[in-house]
Amino acid sequence: MSVTLDCAKLTTREINTSIKRLALEGETEIHLVNPEARHSLGVAVFDPIKIVVEGTAGYFCGAMNDGATFHILGNTGWSVGECMLSGEIVVERNAASGTGASIRGGLYDRLHDAARHDDYLRRCSRRPGRLDVRWYYLPGRRAQPVGQ
């Protein structure tokens, strides 16, 4: 079952409250349209739900995530997935600095030019815990692991 939230008509607080309410009601997938690079989308989601951001997200998208899956179809600002305990974050385009900062577990995929963050993620993957980081570079949209 899939639900669509139009972010253009809601505040960030209303978006996050709606995500948590819908997750508790048993929804399995939420599409956020018109995110307009808004900061802090999907913060502190503790339910196993898929959140698709149809556009660009601002800072701290998916921060403090514990079990949710985020699929961001555009770019993200700083610190996407910051303090993630478990779950998955996939970014289709570019992610700014601080990507995956302080994550303790989960999976982070970035499906675009990975050269900028390759060294950072190599350091992250050495941290103890359940961290599984995959970083891809897509020349001609063909995924291949970088730095493995």
Protein backbone atom coordinates (compact mmCIF):
# COMPACT_ATOMS: atom_id res chain seq x y z
CA MET A 1 0.00 0.00 0.00
CA SER A 2 1.39 3.41 -0.94
CA VAL A 3 0.48 6.91 0.24
CA THR A 4 1.55 10.24 -1.27
CA LEU A 5 2.19 13.37 0.82
CA ASP A 6 2.47 16.72 -0.96
CA CYS A 7 5.20 18.54 0.97
CA ALA A 8 4.39 21.87 -0.71
CA LYS A 9 1.25 22.13 1.40
CA LEU A 10 2.76 21.03 4.73
CA THR A 11 5.35 22.22 7.25
CA THR A 12 8.30 19.98 8.06
CA ARG A 13 6.74 19.15 11.42
CA GLU A 14 3.46 18.16 9.72
CA ILE A 15 5.33 15.99 7.22
CA ASN A 16 7.26 14.14 9.94
CA THR A 17 4.16 13.74 12.11
CA SER A 18 2.25 12.36 9.13
CA ILE A 19 5.04 9.88 8.34
CA LYS A 20 5.02 8.55 11.89
CA ARG A 21 1.20 8.40 12.05
CA LEU A 22 0.97 6.56 8.72
CA ALA A 23 3.67 4.09 9.80
CA LEU A 24 1.73 3.33 12.98
CA GLU A 25 -1.43 2.83 10.90
CA GLY A 26 0.34 0.11 8.93
CA GLU A 27 1.33 1.89 5.71
CA THR A 28 4.33 0.29 4.05
CA GLU A 29 5.38 3.01 1.59
CA ILE A 30 5.13 6.81 1.60
CA HIS A 31 6.01 9.05 -1.35
CA LEU A 32 6.99 12.62 -0.54
CA VAL A 33 6.36 14.84 -3.57
CA ASN A 34 7.51 18.46 -3.87
CA PRO A 35 10.11 18.18 -1.07
CA GLU A 36 11.66 21.48 -2.22
CA ALA A 37 15.02 20.68 -0.59
CA ARG A 38 13.38 20.90 2.82
CA HIS A 39 15.57 20.05 5.82
CA SER A 40 14.97 17.26 8.34
CA LEU A 41 12.53 15.13 6.34
CA GLY A 42 11.84 11.76 7.93
CA VAL A 43 13.77 12.39 11.13
CA ALA A 44 13.51 9.83 13.96
CA VAL A 45 11.47 7.22 12.09
CA PHE A 46 11.51 3.99 14.10
CA ASP A 47 9.23 1.83 11.96
CA PRO A 48 10.04 -0.47 9.03
CA ILE A 49 8.55 1.72 6.30
CA LYS A 50 9.80 2.78 2.86
CA ILE A 51 9.95 6.54 2.26
CA VAL A 52 10.51 7.73 -1.31
CA VAL A 53 11.55 11.38 -1.61
CA GLU A 54 10.60 12.40 -5.14
CA GLY A 55 13.06 15.24 -5.57
CA THR A 56 15.84 16.88 -3.59
CA ALA A 57 15.99 16.73 0.21
CA GLY A 58 17.79 19.23 2.45
CA TYR A 59 19.99 18.65 5.48
CA PHE A 60 19.52 15.68 7.85
CA CYS A 61 17.08 13.67 5.72
CA GLY A 62 16.56 10.29 7.42
CA ALA A 63 18.53 11.32 10.51
CA MET A 64 18.14 9.15 13.63
CA ASN A 65 16.55 6.45 11.48
CA ASP A 66 16.03 3.05 13.07
CA GLY A 67 14.57 0.59 10.60
CA ALA A 68 13.12 2.71 7.78
CA THR A 69 14.21 2.65 4.14
CA PHE A 70 14.70 5.98 2.36
CA HIS A 71 14.99 6.28 -1.42
CA ILE A 72 15.89 9.83 -2.42
CA LEU A 73 15.44 10.43 -6.14
CA GLY A 74 17.35 13.73 -6.17
CA ASN A 75 20.23 15.30 -4.25
CA THR A 76 20.59 15.65 -0.48
CA GLY A 77 22.10 18.29 1.73
CA TRP A 78 24.47 17.77 4.64
CA SER A 79 24.33 14.79 6.95
CA VAL A 80 21.81 12.54 5.23
CA GLY A 81 21.29 9.53 7.50
CA GLU A 82 23.09 11.16 10.43
CA CYS A 83 22.96 8.94 13.58
CA MET A 84 21.22 6.09 11.72
CA LEU A 85 20.97 2.93 13.83
CA SER A 86 19.52 0.59 11.21
CA GLY A 87 17.68 0.82 7.93
CA GLU A 88 18.70 1.83 4.44
CA ILE A 89 19.24 5.08 2.57
CA VAL A 90 19.65 5.24 -1.19
CA VAL A 91 20.50 8.58 -2.83
CA GLU A 92 20.12 8.64 -6.62
CA ARG A 93 22.17 11.80 -7.20
CA ASN A 94 24.67 13.77 -5.09
CA ALA A 95 25.00 13.92 -1.31
CA ALA A 96 26.69 16.81 0.50
CA SER A 97 29.35 16.58 3.22
CA GLY A 98 28.73 14.72 6.45
CA THR A 99 26.92 11.91 4.65
CA GLY A 100 26.26 9.11 7.10
CA ALA A 101 27.90 11.00 9.96
CA SER A 102 27.80 9.10 13.25
CA ILE A 103 25.89 6.15 11.80
CA ARG A 104 26.04 3.03 13.90
CA GLY A 105 24.32 0.59 11.56
CA GLY A 106 22.24 0.25 8.47
CA LEU A 107 23.03 0.56 4.79
CA TYR A 108 23.82 3.66 2.78
CA ASP A 109 23.96 3.59 -1.03
CA ARG A 110 24.82 6.55 -3.17
CA LEU A 111 24.19 5.90 -6.83
CA HIS A 112 26.26 8.65 -8.46
CA ASP A 113 29.74 10.17 -8.47
CA ALA A 114 31.40 8.67 -5.41
CA ALA A 115 34.91 10.07 -5.75
CA ARG A 116 34.30 12.90 -3.26
CA HIS A 117 33.20 10.66 -0.41
CA ASP A 118 35.10 7.44 -1.05
CA ASP A 119 37.80 8.02 1.60
CA TYR A 120 35.23 9.08 4.18
CA LEU A 121 33.18 5.93 3.73
CA ARG A 122 36.24 3.71 3.84
CA ARG A 123 36.92 5.15 7.30
CA CYS A 124 33.26 4.66 8.32
CA SER A 125 33.26 1.02 7.28
CA ARG A 126 36.02 0.32 9.84
CA ARG A 127 33.88 1.44 12.77
CA PRO A 128 32.52 -1.30 15.04
CA GLY A 129 28.85 -2.17 14.87
CA ARG A 130 26.40 -3.27 12.20
CA LEU A 131 27.49 -0.75 9.59
CA ASP A 132 27.28 -1.88 5.97
CA VAL A 133 28.20 0.91 3.54
CA ARG A 134 28.13 0.45 -0.21
CA TRP A 135 29.30 3.30 -2.39
CA TYR A 136 28.85 3.25 -6.16
CA TYR A 137 30.07 5.24 -9.10
CA LEU A 138 27.87 5.07 -12.17
CA PRO A 139 29.75 5.78 -15.37
CA GLY A 140 27.01 5.43 -17.96
CA ARG A 141 24.56 4.35 -15.20
CA ARG A 142 26.27 0.98 -14.66
CA ALA A 143 26.89 0.42 -10.96
CA GLN A 144 30.26 -0.79 -9.83
CA PRO A 145 31.71 -0.81 -6.32
CA VAL A 146 34.37 1.78 -5.56
CA GLY A 147 37.25 1.24 -3.11
CA GLN A 148 36.44 -2.37 -2.26
